[in-house]
Amino acid sequence: MLRFDTAGWREVAPGTFHNDDGDGLGLYGFDLPPDLPAPLEDQDRLRRATAAHVAASGGGLVELDVIGLDGLAAVAQIVKMRIPDQPTGVVYLGSFTVPRADRSLVLKVQCMERGVTGMRDSVVMNRFMAEHGQGRPLDEVMRMWARHPYDPTIQGGLPRNWSEEPGWDPHFPDHPLSRARRIMHAVAPTIEIPPDFKAAPPFRG
């Protein structure tokens, strides 16, 4: 199992952690080939295929990057899903997936909307409409406001909208997407991967 700096986290079960904001973090190891839809060397195809898969499941891919973690290539992504059995609100699920040919390690982060939902979207949409809505048909403006990243032809699910750009995070530090990005940025440099996992055959897709 991989390790990370647990400062600010309390372990509530083996491999499961919570912080004071109510966010969750889980560590998982799988003795199976990872189900990534493309090799990590083909980031464009990996992004498009993942965006389509998440949309088909009713959610939306916010971002996906291939990064380095403790010397190995890994997939860092954030998706959003509706909160089950609630009329409003979404949960942002961040993850690092470190694949090898016959196994994988995954660190997952869960940050959920609490209390009044949609405030970030509403505030930023007002700004967006003032800047981009003048003189354009509403359907065109809405296509500009929200679309799936990496492949705008994807339909359904929860398209990424303008309020989810990273530049808005400092204005909404308590929003679950801001928290998810902040956690992932803090955790990534502290991750340590076991030597036997590093020695396993590489993932080829």
C-alpha atoms as a PDB file:
ATOM      1  CA  MET A   1       0.000   0.000   0.000  1.00  0.00           C
ATOM      2  CA  LEU A   2       1.246   3.479  -0.735  1.00  0.00           C
ATOM      3  CA  ARG A   3       1.983   5.939   2.055  1.00  0.00           C
ATOM      4  CA  PHE A   4       1.407   9.679   2.379  1.00  0.00           C
ATOM      5  CA  ASP A   5       1.796  12.422   4.971  1.00  0.00           C
ATOM      6  CA  THR A   6      -1.229  11.972   7.251  1.00  0.00           C
ATOM      7  CA  ALA A   7      -0.896  15.328   9.028  1.00  0.00           C
ATOM      8  CA  GLY A   8      -4.406  16.761   9.364  1.00  0.00           C
ATOM      9  CA  TRP A   9      -6.037  13.369   8.794  1.00  0.00           C
ATOM     10  CA  ARG A  10      -7.357  10.838  11.301  1.00  0.00           C
ATOM     11  CA  GLU A  11      -7.618   7.162  10.390  1.00  0.00           C
ATOM     12  CA  VAL A  12     -11.173   5.946  11.034  1.00  0.00           C
ATOM     13  CA  ALA A  13     -10.605   2.466   9.544  1.00  0.00           C
ATOM     14  CA  PRO A  14      -7.622   0.767   7.923  1.00  0.00           C
ATOM     15  CA  GLY A  15      -6.757   2.850   4.872  1.00  0.00           C
ATOM     16  CA  THR A  16      -9.651   5.296   5.411  1.00  0.00           C
ATOM     17  CA  PHE A  17      -9.136   8.838   6.706  1.00  0.00           C
ATOM     18  CA  HIS A  18     -11.236  11.900   7.510  1.00  0.00           C
ATOM     19  CA  ASN A  19     -10.245  15.517   8.096  1.00  0.00           C
ATOM     20  CA  ASP A  20     -11.895  18.335  10.047  1.00  0.00           C
ATOM     21  CA  ASP A  21     -13.755  19.548   6.937  1.00  0.00           C
ATOM     22  CA  GLY A  22     -15.575  16.215   6.697  1.00  0.00           C
ATOM     23  CA  ASP A  23     -13.686  15.143   3.592  1.00  0.00           C
ATOM     24  CA  GLY A  24     -12.663  11.528   3.089  1.00  0.00           C
ATOM     25  CA  LEU A  25      -9.521   9.866   1.786  1.00  0.00           C
ATOM     26  CA  GLY A  26      -9.093   6.187   1.009  1.00  0.00           C
ATOM     27  CA  LEU A  27      -6.167   3.976  -0.011  1.00  0.00           C
ATOM     28  CA  TYR A  28      -6.756   0.927  -2.207  1.00  0.00           C
ATOM     29  CA  GLY A  29      -4.634  -1.783  -3.771  1.00  0.00           C
ATOM     30  CA  PHE A  30      -5.869  -4.048  -6.573  1.00  0.00           C
ATOM     31  CA  ASP A  31      -4.247  -7.260  -7.801  1.00  0.00           C
ATOM     32  CA  LEU A  32      -5.855  -6.822 -11.213  1.00  0.00           C
ATOM     33  CA  PRO A  33      -4.895  -4.967 -14.386  1.00  0.00           C
ATOM     34  CA  PRO A  34      -6.246  -1.399 -14.165  1.00  0.00           C
ATOM     35  CA  ASP A  35      -9.291  -0.565 -16.289  1.00  0.00           C
ATOM     36  CA  LEU A  36      -7.814   2.591 -17.818  1.00  0.00           C
ATOM     37  CA  PRO A  37      -9.135   3.053 -21.386  1.00  0.00           C
ATOM     38  CA  ALA A  38      -5.780   4.028 -22.948  1.00  0.00           C
ATOM     39  CA  PRO A  39      -2.062   3.935 -22.208  1.00  0.00           C
ATOM     40  CA  LEU A  40      -0.737   6.787 -20.112  1.00  0.00           C
ATOM     41  CA  GLU A  41       1.494   7.822 -23.010  1.00  0.00           C
ATOM     42  CA  ASP A  42      -1.663   8.731 -24.981  1.00  0.00           C
ATOM     43  CA  GLN A  43      -3.053  11.375 -22.637  1.00  0.00           C
ATOM     44  CA  ASP A  44      -5.439  12.829 -25.234  1.00  0.00           C
ATOM     45  CA  ARG A  45      -7.170   9.486 -25.845  1.00  0.00           C
ATOM     46  CA  LEU A  46      -7.197   8.736 -22.131  1.00  0.00           C
ATOM     47  CA  ARG A  47      -8.903  12.066 -21.449  1.00  0.00           C
ATOM     48  CA  ARG A  48     -11.522  11.696 -24.184  1.00  0.00           C
ATOM     49  CA  ALA A  49     -12.394   8.107 -23.316  1.00  0.00           C
ATOM     50  CA  THR A  50     -12.614   8.856 -19.594  1.00  0.00           C
ATOM     51  CA  ALA A  51     -14.803  11.919 -20.178  1.00  0.00           C
ATOM     52  CA  ALA A  52     -17.189   9.843 -22.300  1.00  0.00           C
ATOM     53  CA  HIS A  53     -17.310   7.005 -19.761  1.00  0.00           C
ATOM     54  CA  VAL A  54     -17.992   9.321 -16.804  1.00  0.00           C
ATOM     55  CA  ALA A  55     -20.709  11.196 -18.718  1.00  0.00           C
ATOM     56  CA  ALA A  56     -22.385   7.898 -19.633  1.00  0.00           C
ATOM     57  CA  SER A  57     -22.510   7.030 -15.932  1.00  0.00           C
ATOM     58  CA  GLY A  58     -24.333  10.303 -15.177  1.00  0.00           C
ATOM     59  CA  GLY A  59     -21.360  12.306 -13.926  1.00  0.00           C
ATOM     60  CA  GLY A  60     -18.748  14.573 -15.386  1.00  0.00           C
ATOM     61  CA  LEU A  61     -14.983  14.629 -15.686  1.00  0.00           C
ATOM     62  CA  VAL A  62     -13.614  17.915 -14.362  1.00  0.00           C
ATOM     63  CA  GLU A  63      -9.941  17.342 -15.186  1.00  0.00           C
ATOM     64  CA  LEU A  64      -7.435  14.603 -15.903  1.00  0.00           C
ATOM     65  CA  ASP A  65      -3.657  14.747 -16.123  1.00  0.00           C
ATOM     66  CA  VAL A  66      -0.868  12.199 -16.328  1.00  0.00           C
ATOM     67  CA  ILE A  67       1.666  13.117 -13.640  1.00  0.00           C
ATOM     68  CA  GLY A  68       4.645  11.658 -11.833  1.00  0.00           C
ATOM     69  CA  LEU A  69       4.216  10.183  -8.346  1.00  0.00           C
ATOM     70  CA  ASP A  70       7.330   8.995  -6.527  1.00  0.00           C
ATOM     71  CA  GLY A  71       9.022   8.165  -9.814  1.00  0.00           C
ATOM     72  CA  LEU A  72       6.098   6.431 -11.545  1.00  0.00           C
ATOM     73  CA  ALA A  73       3.544   7.723 -14.043  1.00  0.00           C
ATOM     74  CA  ALA A  74       0.057   8.090 -12.597  1.00  0.00           C
ATOM     75  CA  VAL A  75      -3.371   9.412 -13.538  1.00  0.00           C
ATOM     76  CA  ALA A  76      -4.690  12.332 -11.496  1.00  0.00           C
ATOM     77  CA  GLN A  77      -8.343  13.136 -12.066  1.00  0.00           C
ATOM     78  CA  ILE A  78     -11.385  14.773 -10.529  1.00  0.00           C
ATOM     79  CA  VAL A  79     -14.947  13.793 -11.423  1.00  0.00           C
ATOM     80  CA  LYS A  80     -18.271  15.041 -10.102  1.00  0.00           C
ATOM     81  CA  MET A  81     -21.384  12.999  -9.398  1.00  0.00           C
ATOM     82  CA  ARG A  82     -24.819  13.798  -8.067  1.00  0.00           C
ATOM     83  CA  ILE A  83     -25.286  13.040  -4.377  1.00  0.00           C
ATOM     84  CA  PRO A  84     -27.553   9.969  -4.126  1.00  0.00           C
ATOM     85  CA  ASP A  85     -31.035  10.521  -2.692  1.00  0.00           C
ATOM     86  CA  GLN A  86     -30.630  14.311  -2.630  1.00  0.00           C
ATOM     87  CA  PRO A  87     -32.394  16.733  -5.005  1.00  0.00           C
ATOM     88  CA  THR A  88     -29.393  19.067  -5.255  1.00  0.00           C
ATOM     89  CA  GLY A  89     -25.665  19.038  -4.696  1.00  0.00           C
ATOM     90  CA  VAL A  90     -22.713  17.130  -6.100  1.00  0.00           C
ATOM     91  CA  VAL A  91     -19.738  15.269  -4.719  1.00  0.00           C
ATOM     92  CA  TYR A  92     -16.263  15.756  -6.185  1.00  0.00           C
ATOM     93  CA  LEU A  93     -14.148  12.604  -6.322  1.00  0.00           C
ATOM     94  CA  GLY A  94     -10.439  13.062  -6.818  1.00  0.00           C
ATOM     95  CA  SER A  95      -8.078  10.189  -7.391  1.00  0.00           C
ATOM     96  CA  PHE A  96      -4.513   9.213  -8.116  1.00  0.00           C
ATOM     97  CA  THR A  97      -4.221   5.897  -9.969  1.00  0.00           C
ATOM     98  CA  VAL A  98      -0.786   4.317 -10.252  1.00  0.00           C
ATOM     99  CA  PRO A  99      -1.029   1.442 -12.753  1.00  0.00           C
ATOM    100  CA  ARG A 100       1.233  -1.512 -13.408  1.00  0.00           C
ATOM    101  CA  ALA A 101       0.656  -4.386 -15.820  1.00  0.00           C
ATOM    102  CA  ASP A 102      -1.015  -6.646 -13.249  1.00  0.00           C
ATOM    103  CA  ARG A 103      -1.934  -4.372 -10.344  1.00  0.00           C
ATOM    104  CA  SER A 104      -2.665  -0.810  -9.322  1.00  0.00           C
ATOM    105  CA  LEU A 105      -2.653   1.524  -6.351  1.00  0.00           C
ATOM    106  CA  VAL A 106      -5.351   4.152  -5.917  1.00  0.00           C
ATOM    107  CA  LEU A 107      -5.753   7.077  -3.549  1.00  0.00           C
ATOM    108  CA  LYS A 108      -9.258   8.553  -3.568  1.00  0.00           C
ATOM    109  CA  VAL A 109     -10.480  11.859  -2.157  1.00  0.00           C
ATOM    110  CA  GLN A 110     -14.166  12.639  -1.558  1.00  0.00           C
ATOM    111  CA  CYS A 111     -15.417  16.191  -1.005  1.00  0.00           C
ATOM    112  CA  MET A 112     -19.158  16.777  -0.797  1.00  0.00           C
ATOM    113  CA  GLU A 113     -21.276  19.919  -1.052  1.00  0.00           C
ATOM    114  CA  ARG A 114     -22.763  20.885   2.305  1.00  0.00           C
ATOM    115  CA  GLY A 115     -25.517  23.273   3.326  1.00  0.00           C
ATOM    116  CA  VAL A 116     -26.661  25.694   0.616  1.00  0.00           C
ATOM    117  CA  THR A 117     -25.564  24.283  -2.747  1.00  0.00           C
ATOM    118  CA  GLY A 118     -24.891  25.965  -6.069  1.00  0.00           C
ATOM    119  CA  MET A 119     -23.582  29.266  -4.681  1.00  0.00           C
ATOM    120  CA  ARG A 120     -20.325  29.124  -6.652  1.00  0.00           C
ATOM    121  CA  ASP A 121     -22.152  28.315  -9.876  1.00  0.00           C
ATOM    122  CA  SER A 122     -24.674  31.111  -9.345  1.00  0.00           C
ATOM    123  CA  VAL A 123     -22.147  33.837  -8.544  1.00  0.00           C
ATOM    124  CA  VAL A 124     -19.830  32.925 -11.408  1.00  0.00           C
ATOM    125  CA  MET A 125     -22.704  32.522 -13.882  1.00  0.00           C
ATOM    126  CA  ASN A 126     -23.816  36.092 -13.209  1.00  0.00           C
ATOM    127  CA  ARG A 127     -20.287  37.221 -14.046  1.00  0.00           C
ATOM    128  CA  PHE A 128     -20.189  34.987 -17.093  1.00  0.00           C
ATOM    129  CA  MET A 129     -23.499  36.278 -18.446  1.00  0.00           C
ATOM    130  CA  ALA A 130     -22.364  39.883 -18.020  1.00  0.00           C
ATOM    131  CA  GLU A 131     -19.166  39.165 -19.966  1.00  0.00           C
ATOM    132  CA  HIS A 132     -20.366  36.720 -22.624  1.00  0.00           C
ATOM    133  CA  GLY A 133     -24.157  36.813 -22.772  1.00  0.00           C
ATOM    134  CA  GLN A 134     -24.734  40.105 -24.526  1.00  0.00           C
ATOM    135  CA  GLY A 135     -26.075  39.754 -28.052  1.00  0.00           C
ATOM    136  CA  ARG A 136     -25.826  35.947 -28.167  1.00  0.00           C
ATOM    137  CA  PRO A 137     -28.687  33.432 -28.253  1.00  0.00           C
ATOM    138  CA  LEU A 138     -29.219  31.754 -24.894  1.00  0.00           C
ATOM    139  CA  ASP A 139     -28.534  28.246 -26.210  1.00  0.00           C
ATOM    140  CA  GLU A 140     -25.168  29.393 -27.569  1.00  0.00           C
ATOM    141  CA  VAL A 141     -24.295  31.015 -24.245  1.00  0.00           C
ATOM    142  CA  MET A 142     -25.197  27.865 -22.334  1.00  0.00           C
ATOM    143  CA  ARG A 143     -23.006  25.743 -24.631  1.00  0.00           C
ATOM    144  CA  MET A 144     -20.157  28.116 -23.800  1.00  0.00           C
ATOM    145  CA  TRP A 145     -20.939  27.923 -20.079  1.00  0.00           C
ATOM    146  CA  ALA A 146     -20.953  24.133 -19.724  1.00  0.00           C
ATOM    147  CA  ARG A 147     -19.443  21.362 -21.836  1.00  0.00           C
ATOM    148  CA  HIS A 148     -17.445  18.236 -21.264  1.00  0.00           C
ATOM    149  CA  PRO A 149     -13.689  18.850 -21.307  1.00  0.00           C
ATOM    150  CA  TYR A 150     -11.415  17.280 -23.909  1.00  0.00           C
ATOM    151  CA  ASP A 151     -14.347  16.373 -26.203  1.00  0.00           C
ATOM    152  CA  PRO A 152     -17.185  18.929 -26.464  1.00  0.00           C
ATOM    153  CA  THR A 153     -19.252  16.511 -28.599  1.00  0.00           C
ATOM    154  CA  ILE A 154     -19.965  14.323 -25.542  1.00  0.00           C
ATOM    155  CA  GLN A 155     -23.581  14.571 -24.400  1.00  0.00           C
ATOM    156  CA  GLY A 156     -25.362  13.854 -21.116  1.00  0.00           C
ATOM    157  CA  GLY A 157     -24.041  13.605 -17.597  1.00  0.00           C
ATOM    158  CA  LEU A 158     -22.735  16.665 -15.783  1.00  0.00           C
ATOM    159  CA  PRO A 159     -20.660  18.850 -18.112  1.00  0.00           C
ATOM    160  CA  ARG A 160     -17.883  20.936 -16.581  1.00  0.00           C
ATOM    161  CA  ASN A 161     -18.913  24.572 -16.284  1.00  0.00           C
ATOM    162  CA  TRP A 162     -17.004  27.832 -16.215  1.00  0.00           C
ATOM    163  CA  SER A 163     -17.220  28.118 -12.415  1.00  0.00           C
ATOM    164  CA  GLU A 164     -15.083  24.971 -12.102  1.00  0.00           C
ATOM    165  CA  GLU A 165     -12.009  26.608 -13.604  1.00  0.00           C
ATOM    166  CA  PRO A 166      -9.114  26.533 -11.079  1.00  0.00           C
ATOM    167  CA  GLY A 167      -8.880  30.321 -11.091  1.00  0.00           C
ATOM    168  CA  TRP A 168     -12.119  30.524  -9.116  1.00  0.00           C
ATOM    169  CA  ASP A 169     -10.857  28.305  -6.267  1.00  0.00           C
ATOM    170  CA  PRO A 170      -9.326  31.179  -4.234  1.00  0.00           C
ATOM    171  CA  HIS A 171     -12.681  32.984  -4.319  1.00  0.00           C
ATOM    172  CA  PHE A 172     -14.506  29.913  -2.971  1.00  0.00           C
ATOM    173  CA  PRO A 173     -11.986  28.164  -0.687  1.00  0.00           C
ATOM    174  CA  ASP A 174     -14.651  26.134   1.134  1.00  0.00           C
ATOM    175  CA  HIS A 175     -16.260  24.766  -2.036  1.00  0.00           C
ATOM    176  CA  PRO A 176     -15.768  20.987  -2.380  1.00  0.00           C
ATOM    177  CA  LEU A 177     -13.916  21.324  -5.701  1.00  0.00           C
ATOM    178  CA  SER A 178     -11.510  23.824  -4.143  1.00  0.00           C
ATOM    179  CA  ARG A 179     -10.998  21.450  -1.228  1.00  0.00           C
ATOM    180  CA  ALA A 180     -10.438  18.457  -3.517  1.00  0.00           C
ATOM    181  CA  ARG A 181      -7.797  20.275  -5.566  1.00  0.00           C
ATOM    182  CA  ARG A 182      -6.116  21.589  -2.411  1.00  0.00           C
ATOM    183  CA  ILE A 183      -5.945  18.119  -0.866  1.00  0.00           C
ATOM    184  CA  MET A 184      -4.551  16.544  -4.013  1.00  0.00           C
ATOM    185  CA  HIS A 185      -1.910  19.231  -4.446  1.00  0.00           C
ATOM    186  CA  ALA A 186      -0.835  18.799  -0.810  1.00  0.00           C
ATOM    187  CA  VAL A 187      -0.821  14.992  -0.801  1.00  0.00           C
ATOM    188  CA  ALA A 188       0.872  14.289  -4.147  1.00  0.00           C
ATOM    189  CA  PRO A 189       4.422  15.318  -3.201  1.00  0.00           C
ATOM    190  CA  THR A 190       4.302  13.208  -0.021  1.00  0.00           C
ATOM    191  CA  ILE A 191       3.252   9.904  -1.629  1.00  0.00           C
ATOM    192  CA  GLU A 192       5.647   6.974  -1.242  1.00  0.00           C
ATOM    193  CA  ILE A 193       5.183   3.835  -3.357  1.00  0.00           C
ATOM    194  CA  PRO A 194       6.472   0.432  -2.118  1.00  0.00           C
ATOM    195  CA  PRO A 195       9.610  -0.880  -3.877  1.00  0.00           C
ATOM    196  CA  ASP A 196       7.976  -4.190  -4.860  1.00  0.00           C
ATOM    197  CA  PHE A 197       5.191  -2.299  -6.639  1.00  0.00           C
ATOM    198  CA  LYS A 198       7.728  -0.167  -8.497  1.00  0.00           C
ATOM    199  CA  ALA A 199       9.504  -3.351  -9.616  1.00  0.00           C
ATOM    200  CA  ALA A 200       6.340  -4.820 -11.198  1.00  0.00           C
ATOM    201  CA  PRO A 201       6.048  -4.786 -15.024  1.00  0.00           C
ATOM    202  CA  PRO A 202       4.864  -1.417 -16.369  1.00  0.00           C
ATOM    203  CA  PHE A 203       1.327  -0.736 -17.583  1.00  0.00           C
ATOM    204  CA  ARG A 204       1.087  -0.670 -21.386  1.00  0.00           C
ATOM    205  CA  GLY A 205      -2.620  -0.057 -21.834  1.00  0.00           C
END
